[in-house]
PDB file of N, CA and C in Angstrom:
ATOM      1  N   MET A   1     191.282 106.421  23.806  1.00  0.00           N
ATOM      2  CA  MET A   1     192.271 104.859  24.400  1.00  0.00           C
ATOM      3  C   MET A   1     192.176 104.034  23.059  1.00  0.00           C
ATOM      4  N   ALA A   2     193.238 103.484  22.596  1.00  0.00           N
ATOM      5  CA  ALA A   2     193.294 102.462  21.290  1.00  0.00           C
ATOM      6  C   ALA A   2     192.689 101.046  22.054  1.00  0.00           C
ATOM      7  N   LYS A   3     192.128 100.157  20.800  1.00  0.00           N
ATOM      8  CA  LYS A   3     192.035  99.166  21.475  1.00  0.00           C
ATOM      9  C   LYS A   3     193.184  98.656  20.844  1.00  0.00           C
ATOM     10  N   VAL A   4     193.492  97.995  22.283  1.00  0.00           N
ATOM     11  CA  VAL A   4     195.029  96.662  21.850  1.00  0.00           C
ATOM     12  C   VAL A   4     194.440  95.521  22.350  1.00  0.00           C
ATOM     13  N   VAL A   5     194.699  94.763  21.478  1.00  0.00           N
ATOM     14  CA  VAL A   5     194.345  93.573  21.748  1.00  0.00           C
ATOM     15  C   VAL A   5     195.937  92.359  21.491  1.00  0.00           C
ATOM     16  N   MET A   6     195.934  91.476  22.753  1.00  0.00           N
ATOM     17  CA  MET A   6     196.722  90.263  22.106  1.00  0.00           C
ATOM     18  C   MET A   6     196.736  88.994  22.472  1.00  0.00           C
ATOM     19  N   TYR A   7     196.472  88.470  21.674  1.00  0.00           N
ATOM     20  CA  TYR A   7     196.555  86.800  21.023  1.00  0.00           C
ATOM     21  C   TYR A   7     197.809  86.165  21.972  1.00  0.00           C
ATOM     22  N   SER A   8     197.509  85.409  22.856  1.00  0.00           N
ATOM     23  CA  SER A   8     198.801  84.632  23.328  1.00  0.00           C
ATOM     24  C   SER A   8     198.240  83.008  23.899  1.00  0.00           C
ATOM     25  N   LYS A   9     199.792  82.343  24.349  1.00  0.00           N
ATOM     26  CA  LYS A   9     199.237  81.163  24.492  1.00  0.00           C
ATOM     27  C   LYS A   9     200.102  80.797  25.720  1.00  0.00           C
ATOM     28  N   ILE A  10     199.973  79.907  26.597  1.00  0.00           N
ATOM     29  CA  ILE A  10     200.830  79.419  27.696  1.00  0.00           C
ATOM     30  C   ILE A  10     201.339  77.829  27.227  1.00  0.00           C
ATOM     31  N   PRO A  11     202.693  77.946  27.774  1.00  0.00           N
ATOM     32  CA  PRO A  11     203.485  78.903  28.237  1.00  0.00           C
ATOM     33  C   PRO A  11     204.352  80.083  26.739  1.00  0.00           C
ATOM     34  N   CYS A  12     204.224  81.573  27.668  1.00  0.00           N
ATOM     35  CA  CYS A  12     204.538  81.466  26.375  1.00  0.00           C
ATOM     36  C   CYS A  12     205.863  83.712  27.325  1.00  0.00           C
ATOM     37  N   PRO A  13     206.794  83.131  26.927  1.00  0.00           N
ATOM     38  CA  PRO A  13     207.535  84.521  28.119  1.00  0.00           C
ATOM     39  C   PRO A  13     207.557  85.693  27.949  1.00  0.00           C
ATOM     40  N   TYR A  14     207.730  85.404  25.918  1.00  0.00           N
ATOM     41  CA  TYR A  14     207.433  86.798  25.673  1.00  0.00           C
ATOM     42  C   TYR A  14     205.916  87.690  26.016  1.00  0.00           C
ATOM     43  N   CYS A  15     204.668  86.687  25.986  1.00  0.00           N
ATOM     44  CA  CYS A  15     203.577  87.358  26.099  1.00  0.00           C
ATOM     45  C   CYS A  15     203.318  87.526  27.501  1.00  0.00           C
ATOM     46  N   ASP A  16     203.979  87.274  28.612  1.00  0.00           N
ATOM     47  CA  ASP A  16     204.414  87.547  29.525  1.00  0.00           C
ATOM     48  C   ASP A  16     204.664  89.239  29.772  1.00  0.00           C
ATOM     49  N   ARG A  17     205.951  89.093  29.542  1.00  0.00           N
ATOM     50  CA  ARG A  17     206.670  90.173  29.212  1.00  0.00           C
ATOM     51  C   ARG A  17     205.417  91.078  28.855  1.00  0.00           C
ATOM     52  N   ALA A  18     205.134  91.074  27.606  1.00  0.00           N
ATOM     53  CA  ALA A  18     204.243  91.925  26.966  1.00  0.00           C
ATOM     54  C   ALA A  18     202.581  92.701  28.201  1.00  0.00           C
ATOM     55  N   LYS A  19     202.471  91.284  28.445  1.00  0.00           N
ATOM     56  CA  LYS A  19     201.009  91.829  29.715  1.00  0.00           C
ATOM     57  C   LYS A  19     201.512  92.816  30.504  1.00  0.00           C
ATOM     58  N   VAL A  20     203.111  92.234  31.369  1.00  0.00           N
ATOM     59  CA  VAL A  20     203.749  93.096  32.113  1.00  0.00           C
ATOM     60  C   VAL A  20     203.671  94.592  31.647  1.00  0.00           C
ATOM     61  N   PHE A  21     204.375  94.648  30.704  1.00  0.00           N
ATOM     62  CA  PHE A  21     204.683  95.610  30.400  1.00  0.00           C
ATOM     63  C   PHE A  21     203.339  96.413  29.569  1.00  0.00           C
ATOM     64  N   LEU A  22     202.649  96.316  29.153  1.00  0.00           N
ATOM     65  CA  LEU A  22     201.396  97.232  28.850  1.00  0.00           C
ATOM     66  C   LEU A  22     200.659  97.350  30.396  1.00  0.00           C
ATOM     67  N   LYS A  23     200.798  96.555  31.688  1.00  0.00           N
ATOM     68  CA  LYS A  23     200.016  96.627  32.809  1.00  0.00           C
ATOM     69  C   LYS A  23     200.939  97.823  33.186  1.00  0.00           C
ATOM     70  N   ASN A  24     202.229  97.859  33.102  1.00  0.00           N
ATOM     71  CA  ASN A  24     203.327  98.974  33.635  1.00  0.00           C
ATOM     72  C   ASN A  24     202.767  99.987  33.253  1.00  0.00           C
ATOM     73  N   LYS A  25     202.516 100.292  31.991  1.00  0.00           N
ATOM     74  CA  LYS A  25     202.269 101.302  31.001  1.00  0.00           C
ATOM     75  C   LYS A  25     200.725 101.702  31.030  1.00  0.00           C
ATOM     76  N   GLY A  26     199.581 100.996  32.203  1.00  0.00           N
ATOM     77  CA  GLY A  26     198.834 101.595  32.129  1.00  0.00           C
ATOM     78  C   GLY A  26     197.594 102.013  30.957  1.00  0.00           C
ATOM     79  N   VAL A  27     198.007 100.984  30.002  1.00  0.00           N
ATOM     80  CA  VAL A  27     197.302 100.414  28.617  1.00  0.00           C
ATOM     81  C   VAL A  27     196.391  99.157  29.180  1.00  0.00           C
ATOM     82  N   ALA A  28     194.854  99.392  28.748  1.00  0.00           N
ATOM     83  CA  ALA A  28     193.600  98.617  28.901  1.00  0.00           C
ATOM     84  C   ALA A  28     193.927  98.035  27.649  1.00  0.00           C
ATOM     85  N   PHE A  29     194.042  96.516  27.834  1.00  0.00           N
ATOM     86  CA  PHE A  29     194.187  95.680  26.736  1.00  0.00           C
ATOM     87  C   PHE A  29     193.422  94.035  26.886  1.00  0.00           C
ATOM     88  N   GLU A  30     192.847  93.505  25.782  1.00  0.00           N
ATOM     89  CA  GLU A  30     192.119  92.181  26.039  1.00  0.00           C
ATOM     90  C   GLU A  30     193.500  91.373  25.446  1.00  0.00           C
ATOM     91  N   VAL A  31     193.304  90.042  26.061  1.00  0.00           N
ATOM     92  CA  VAL A  31     194.098  89.014  26.007  1.00  0.00           C
ATOM     93  C   VAL A  31     193.120  87.966  25.309  1.00  0.00           C
ATOM     94  N   ILE A  32     193.398  87.199  24.309  1.00  0.00           N
ATOM     95  CA  ILE A  32     193.033  85.924  23.824  1.00  0.00           C
ATOM     96  C   ILE A  32     193.466  84.942  23.384  1.00  0.00           C
ATOM     97  N   ASP A  33     193.337  83.910  24.927  1.00  0.00           N
ATOM     98  CA  ASP A  33     193.985  83.191  24.548  1.00  0.00           C
ATOM     99  C   ASP A  33     194.030  81.523  23.781  1.00  0.00           C
ATOM    100  N   LEU A  34     194.965  81.579  22.983  1.00  0.00           N
ATOM    101  CA  LEU A  34     195.165  80.818  21.788  1.00  0.00           C
ATOM    102  C   LEU A  34     195.864  78.877  22.527  1.00  0.00           C
ATOM    103  N   THR A  35     195.752  79.221  24.188  1.00  0.00           N
ATOM    104  CA  THR A  35     196.207  77.537  24.610  1.00  0.00           C
ATOM    105  C   THR A  35     195.271  76.825  23.940  1.00  0.00           C
ATOM    106  N   ASP A  36     195.935  75.816  23.405  1.00  0.00           N
ATOM    107  CA  ASP A  36     194.906  74.583  22.821  1.00  0.00           C
ATOM    108  C   ASP A  36     193.829  74.590  22.020  1.00  0.00           C
ATOM    109  N   LYS A  37     194.160  75.180  20.788  1.00  0.00           N
ATOM    110  CA  LYS A  37     193.631  76.329  19.611  1.00  0.00           C
ATOM    111  C   LYS A  37     194.089  75.831  18.812  1.00  0.00           C
ATOM    112  N   PRO A  38     194.725  75.301  18.546  1.00  0.00           N
ATOM    113  CA  PRO A  38     195.376  75.023  17.056  1.00  0.00           C
ATOM    114  C   PRO A  38     194.828  75.954  16.133  1.00  0.00           C
ATOM    115  N   ASP A  39     193.338  75.460  15.104  1.00  0.00           N
ATOM    116  CA  ASP A  39     192.959  76.228  14.170  1.00  0.00           C
ATOM    117  C   ASP A  39     192.770  77.319  14.397  1.00  0.00           C
ATOM    118  N   GLU A  40     192.098  77.815  15.847  1.00  0.00           N
ATOM    119  CA  GLU A  40     192.595  79.760  16.108  1.00  0.00           C
ATOM    120  C   GLU A  40     193.514  80.309  15.686  1.00  0.00           C
ATOM    121  N   MET A  41     194.936  79.591  15.818  1.00  0.00           N
ATOM    122  CA  MET A  41     196.075  79.667  15.841  1.00  0.00           C
ATOM    123  C   MET A  41     196.029  79.966  15.035  1.00  0.00           C
ATOM    124  N   GLN A  42     196.448  78.985  13.961  1.00  0.00           N
ATOM    125  CA  GLN A  42     196.442  79.375  12.194  1.00  0.00           C
ATOM    126  C   GLN A  42     195.572  80.081  11.498  1.00  0.00           C
ATOM    127  N   ALA A  43     194.601  80.062  11.853  1.00  0.00           N
ATOM    128  CA  ALA A  43     193.698  81.795  11.255  1.00  0.00           C
ATOM    129  C   ALA A  43     194.343  82.791  11.728  1.00  0.00           C
ATOM    130  N   ILE A  44     194.648  83.355  13.438  1.00  0.00           N
ATOM    131  CA  ILE A  44     195.375  84.655  13.175  1.00  0.00           C
ATOM    132  C   ILE A  44     196.678  84.754  12.429  1.00  0.00           C
ATOM    133  N   LYS A  45     197.412  83.523  12.752  1.00  0.00           N
ATOM    134  CA  LYS A  45     198.684  83.721  11.708  1.00  0.00           C
ATOM    135  C   LYS A  45     198.619  84.495  10.512  1.00  0.00           C
ATOM    136  N   ASN A  46     197.398  82.866  10.016  1.00  0.00           N
ATOM    137  CA  ASN A  46     197.145  83.555   8.643  1.00  0.00           C
ATOM    138  C   ASN A  46     196.392  84.723   7.796  1.00  0.00           C
ATOM    139  N   GLU A  47     195.762  85.481   8.797  1.00  0.00           N
ATOM    140  CA  GLU A  47     195.696  86.824   8.776  1.00  0.00           C
ATOM    141  C   GLU A  47     196.353  87.608   9.062  1.00  0.00           C
ATOM    142  N   THR A  48     197.419  87.605   9.741  1.00  0.00           N
ATOM    143  CA  THR A  48     198.079  89.115   9.980  1.00  0.00           C
ATOM    144  C   THR A  48     199.801  88.277   9.927  1.00  0.00           C
ATOM    145  N   GLY A  49     199.956  87.219   9.307  1.00  0.00           N
ATOM    146  CA  GLY A  49     201.156  86.861   8.646  1.00  0.00           C
ATOM    147  C   GLY A  49     202.316  86.771   9.896  1.00  0.00           C
ATOM    148  N   TRP A  50     202.130  86.866  10.944  1.00  0.00           N
ATOM    149  CA  TRP A  50     202.694  86.992  11.994  1.00  0.00           C
ATOM    150  C   TRP A  50     202.856  85.203  12.797  1.00  0.00           C
ATOM    151  N   MET A  51     204.501  84.629  12.605  1.00  0.00           N
ATOM    152  CA  MET A  51     204.036  83.664  13.094  1.00  0.00           C
ATOM    153  C   MET A  51     204.704  82.618  14.840  1.00  0.00           C
ATOM    154  N   THR A  52     204.422  83.923  15.471  1.00  0.00           N
ATOM    155  CA  THR A  52     205.029  83.778  16.589  1.00  0.00           C
ATOM    156  C   THR A  52     203.577  84.526  17.622  1.00  0.00           C
ATOM    157  N   VAL A  53     203.776  84.050  19.104  1.00  0.00           N
ATOM    158  CA  VAL A  53     203.020  84.878  20.025  1.00  0.00           C
ATOM    159  C   VAL A  53     203.826  85.552  20.900  1.00  0.00           C
ATOM    160  N   PRO A  54     203.455  86.874  21.354  1.00  0.00           N
ATOM    161  CA  PRO A  54     202.318  87.089  21.853  1.00  0.00           C
ATOM    162  C   PRO A  54     202.293  88.142  19.847  1.00  0.00           C
ATOM    163  N   ILE A  55     201.022  87.885  19.268  1.00  0.00           N
ATOM    164  CA  ILE A  55     200.704  88.922  18.367  1.00  0.00           C
ATOM    165  C   ILE A  55     199.595  90.539  18.613  1.00  0.00           C
ATOM    166  N   ILE A  56     200.309  90.955  18.869  1.00  0.00           N
ATOM    167  CA  ILE A  56     200.156  92.013  19.449  1.00  0.00           C
ATOM    168  C   ILE A  56     199.081  93.308  18.132  1.00  0.00           C
ATOM    169  N   MET A  57     197.799  94.054  18.678  1.00  0.00           N
ATOM    170  CA  MET A  57     197.297  94.675  17.614  1.00  0.00           C
ATOM    171  C   MET A  57     196.901  95.757  18.143  1.00  0.00           C
ATOM    172  N   ILE A  58     197.372  96.605  17.473  1.00  0.00           N
ATOM    173  CA  ILE A  58     196.559  97.737  17.884  1.00  0.00           C
ATOM    174  C   ILE A  58     195.453  98.579  16.907  1.00  0.00           C
ATOM    175  N   ASN A  59     194.061  99.064  17.708  1.00  0.00           N
ATOM    176  CA  ASN A  59     193.115  99.468  16.457  1.00  0.00           C
ATOM    177  C   ASN A  59     192.851  98.465  15.245  1.00  0.00           C
ATOM    178  N   GLY A  60     193.419  97.241  15.345  1.00  0.00           N
ATOM    179  CA  GLY A  60     192.897  96.235  14.050  1.00  0.00           C
ATOM    180  C   GLY A  60     194.504  95.917  13.288  1.00  0.00           C
ATOM    181  N   LYS A  61     195.461  97.080  14.030  1.00  0.00           N
ATOM    182  CA  LYS A  61     196.518  96.807  13.384  1.00  0.00           C
ATOM    183  C   LYS A  61     197.580  96.455  13.453  1.00  0.00           C
ATOM    184  N   LEU A  62     198.896  95.198  13.231  1.00  0.00           N
ATOM    185  CA  LEU A  62     199.738  94.244  13.550  1.00  0.00           C
ATOM    186  C   LEU A  62     200.994  95.404  14.297  1.00  0.00           C
ATOM    187  N   VAL A  63     201.257  95.151  15.564  1.00  0.00           N
ATOM    188  CA  VAL A  63     202.280  95.615  16.029  1.00  0.00           C
ATOM    189  C   VAL A  63     203.582  94.437  15.810  1.00  0.00           C
ATOM    190  N   GLY A  64     203.085  93.416  16.177  1.00  0.00           N
ATOM    191  CA  GLY A  64     204.060  92.734  16.015  1.00  0.00           C
ATOM    192  C   GLY A  64     204.032  91.318  17.458  1.00  0.00           C
ATOM    193  N   GLY A  65     205.344  91.390  17.659  1.00  0.00           N
ATOM    194  CA  GLY A  65     205.383  90.565  19.357  1.00  0.00           C
ATOM    195  C   GLY A  65     206.115  91.595  20.632  1.00  0.00           C
ATOM    196  N   TYR A  66     206.171  91.299  21.191  1.00  0.00           N
ATOM    197  CA  TYR A  66     207.025  92.238  22.323  1.00  0.00           C
ATOM    198  C   TYR A  66     207.503  92.913  21.999  1.00  0.00           C
ATOM    199  N   THR A  67     209.096  92.315  21.137  1.00  0.00           N
ATOM    200  CA  THR A  67     210.159  93.246  20.885  1.00  0.00           C
ATOM    201  C   THR A  67     209.880  94.479  19.933  1.00  0.00           C
ATOM    202  N   ASP A  68     208.968  93.824  19.237  1.00  0.00           N
ATOM    203  CA  ASP A  68     208.140  95.108  18.629  1.00  0.00           C
ATOM    204  C   ASP A  68     207.560  96.322  19.165  1.00  0.00           C
ATOM    205  N   LEU A  69     206.609  96.051  20.210  1.00  0.00           N
ATOM    206  CA  LEU A  69     205.911  96.249  21.301  1.00  0.00           C
ATOM    207  C   LEU A  69     207.202  97.331  21.387  1.00  0.00           C
ATOM    208  N   LYS A  70     208.333  96.691  22.464  1.00  0.00           N
ATOM    209  CA  LYS A  70     209.182  97.466  23.073  1.00  0.00           C
ATOM    210  C   LYS A  70     210.031  98.529  22.619  1.00  0.00           C
ATOM    211  N   ALA A  71     210.431  98.215  21.076  1.00  0.00           N
ATOM    212  CA  ALA A  71     210.990  99.159  20.016  1.00  0.00           C
ATOM    213  C   ALA A  71     210.235 100.589  20.047  1.00  0.00           C
ATOM    214  N   LEU A  72     209.045 100.173  19.932  1.00  0.00           N
ATOM    215  CA  LEU A  72     208.320 101.314  19.734  1.00  0.00           C
ATOM    216  C   LEU A  72     208.368 101.879  20.530  1.00  0.00           C
ATOM    217  N   GLU A  73     208.039 102.376  22.142  1.00  0.00           N
ATOM    218  CA  GLU A  73     208.104 102.785  23.461  1.00  0.00           C
ATOM    219  C   GLU A  73     209.458 102.888  22.856  1.00  0.00           C
ATOM    220  N   ASP A  74     210.701 102.383  23.139  1.00  0.00           N
ATOM    221  CA  ASP A  74     212.005 103.028  22.584  1.00  0.00           C
ATOM    222  C   ASP A  74     211.978 104.302  22.011  1.00  0.00           C
ATOM    223  N   GLU A  75     211.444 103.842  20.551  1.00  0.00           N
ATOM    224  CA  GLU A  75     211.645 104.585  19.277  1.00  0.00           C
ATOM    225  C   GLU A  75     210.548 106.318  19.518  1.00  0.00           C
ATOM    226  N   GLY A  76     209.583 106.094  21.041  1.00  0.00           N
ATOM    227  CA  GLY A  76     209.338 107.407  21.393  1.00  0.00           C
ATOM    228  C   GLY A  76     207.855 107.525  20.608  1.00  0.00           C
ATOM    229  N   LYS A  77     207.386 105.790  19.341  1.00  0.00           N
ATOM    230  CA  LYS A  77     206.321 105.679  18.883  1.00  0.00           C
ATOM    231  C   LYS A  77     204.980 105.343  19.128  1.00  0.00           C
ATOM    232  N   LEU A  78     205.004 105.122  19.776  1.00  0.00           N
ATOM    233  CA  LEU A  78     204.076 104.003  21.532  1.00  0.00           C
ATOM    234  C   LEU A  78     202.833 104.818  21.358  1.00  0.00           C
ATOM    235  N   ASP A  79     203.143 105.814  21.994  1.00  0.00           N
ATOM    236  CA  ASP A  79     202.217 106.707  22.717  1.00  0.00           C
ATOM    237  C   ASP A  79     201.586 107.484  21.626  1.00  0.00           C
ATOM    238  N   GLY A  80     201.641 107.451  20.254  1.00  0.00           N
ATOM    239  CA  GLY A  80     201.064 107.663  20.065  1.00  0.00           C
ATOM    240  C   GLY A  80     200.324 106.968  18.620  1.00  0.00           C
ATOM    241  N   LEU A  81     200.433 105.612  18.755  1.00  0.00           N
ATOM    242  CA  LEU A  81     199.454 104.668  18.427  1.00  0.00           C
ATOM    243  C   LEU A  81     198.102 104.205  20.076  1.00  0.00           C
ATOM    244  N   LEU A  82     198.376 104.767  20.603  1.00  0.00           N
ATOM    245  CA  LEU A  82     197.751 104.478  21.908  1.00  0.00           C
ATOM    246  C   LEU A  82     196.570 105.572  22.762  1.00  0.00           C
ATOM    247  N   VAL A  83     196.875 106.754  21.209  1.00  0.00           N
ATOM    248  CA  VAL A  83     195.186 107.325  21.779  1.00  0.00           C
ATOM    249  C   VAL A  83     194.406 107.257  20.808  1.00  0.00           C
TER     250      VAL A  83
END
Protein backbone atom coordinates (compact mmCIF):
# COMPACT_ATOMS: atom_id res chain seq x y z
CA MET A 1 0.00 0.00 0.00
CA ALA A 2 1.22 3.46 -0.87
CA LYS A 3 2.19 5.99 1.77
CA VAL A 4 -0.38 8.79 1.78
CA VAL A 5 0.30 11.99 3.71
CA MET A 6 -2.05 14.94 3.98
CA TYR A 7 -1.02 18.33 5.31
CA SER A 8 -4.05 20.12 6.69
CA LYS A 9 -5.24 22.78 9.09
CA ILE A 10 -8.37 23.65 11.00
CA PRO A 11 -10.75 24.95 9.73
CA CYS A 12 -10.47 23.54 6.21
CA PRO A 13 -13.57 22.12 4.52
CA TYR A 14 -11.52 20.65 1.66
CA CYS A 15 -9.26 18.90 4.19
CA ASP A 16 -12.35 17.44 5.83
CA ARG A 17 -13.69 16.26 2.47
CA ALA A 18 -10.36 14.65 1.57
CA LYS A 19 -10.21 12.81 4.93
CA VAL A 20 -13.76 11.47 4.49
CA PHE A 21 -13.04 10.49 0.89
CA LEU A 22 -9.88 8.55 1.83
CA LYS A 23 -11.55 6.89 4.84
CA ASN A 24 -14.53 5.82 2.72
CA LYS A 25 -12.12 4.39 0.14
CA GLY A 26 -10.34 2.43 2.89
CA VAL A 27 -7.02 4.20 2.37
CA ALA A 28 -4.64 4.49 5.33
CA PHE A 29 -3.18 7.98 5.53
CA GLU A 30 -1.23 10.22 7.86
CA VAL A 31 -2.48 13.71 8.67
CA ILE A 32 0.03 16.40 9.55
CA ASP A 33 -1.87 19.25 11.19
CA LEU A 34 -0.34 22.63 10.40
CA THR A 35 -2.88 24.66 12.39
CA ASP A 36 -0.99 27.41 14.25
CA LYS A 37 2.30 26.37 12.61
CA PRO A 38 2.90 29.10 10.01
CA ASP A 39 6.61 28.34 9.60
CA GLU A 40 5.95 24.66 8.86
CA MET A 41 3.08 25.65 6.56
CA GLN A 42 5.34 27.97 4.59
CA ALA A 43 8.09 25.34 4.41
CA ILE A 44 5.80 22.72 2.86
CA LYS A 45 4.36 25.30 0.47
CA ASN A 46 7.89 26.20 -0.62
CA GLU A 47 8.85 22.54 -0.95
CA THR A 48 5.81 21.50 -3.00
CA GLY A 49 4.87 24.72 -4.75
CA TRP A 50 1.28 24.09 -3.60
CA MET A 51 -0.21 27.15 -1.90
CA THR A 52 -3.42 25.80 -0.33
CA VAL A 53 -4.39 22.96 1.99
CA PRO A 54 -4.90 20.12 1.89
CA ILE A 55 -1.57 19.19 0.39
CA ILE A 56 -1.85 15.50 -0.47
CA MET A 57 1.23 13.41 -1.17
CA ILE A 58 1.31 9.80 -2.36
CA ASN A 59 4.68 8.08 -2.01
CA GLY A 60 6.36 11.46 -1.69
CA LYS A 61 4.81 12.89 -4.86
CA LEU A 62 2.40 15.80 -4.83
CA VAL A 63 -1.13 14.89 -5.88
CA GLY A 64 -2.57 18.32 -5.08
CA GLY A 65 -5.68 19.08 -3.09
CA TYR A 66 -9.06 17.45 -2.62
CA THR A 67 -10.38 18.30 -6.09
CA ASP A 68 -7.22 16.86 -7.65
CA LEU A 69 -7.60 13.68 -5.60
CA LYS A 70 -11.25 13.38 -6.65
CA ALA A 71 -10.33 14.02 -10.31
CA LEU A 72 -7.80 11.16 -10.19
CA GLU A 73 -10.53 8.90 -8.81
CA ASP A 74 -13.03 10.01 -11.47
CA GLU A 75 -10.44 9.35 -14.20
CA GLY A 76 -9.72 5.88 -12.81
CA LYS A 77 -6.09 6.75 -12.03
CA LEU A 78 -6.11 6.89 -8.22
CA ASP A 79 -6.13 3.16 -7.50
CA GLY A 80 -2.96 2.71 -9.56
CA LEU A 81 -1.17 5.27 -7.39
CA LEU A 82 -2.29 3.59 -4.17
CA VAL A 83 -0.77 0.14 -4.76
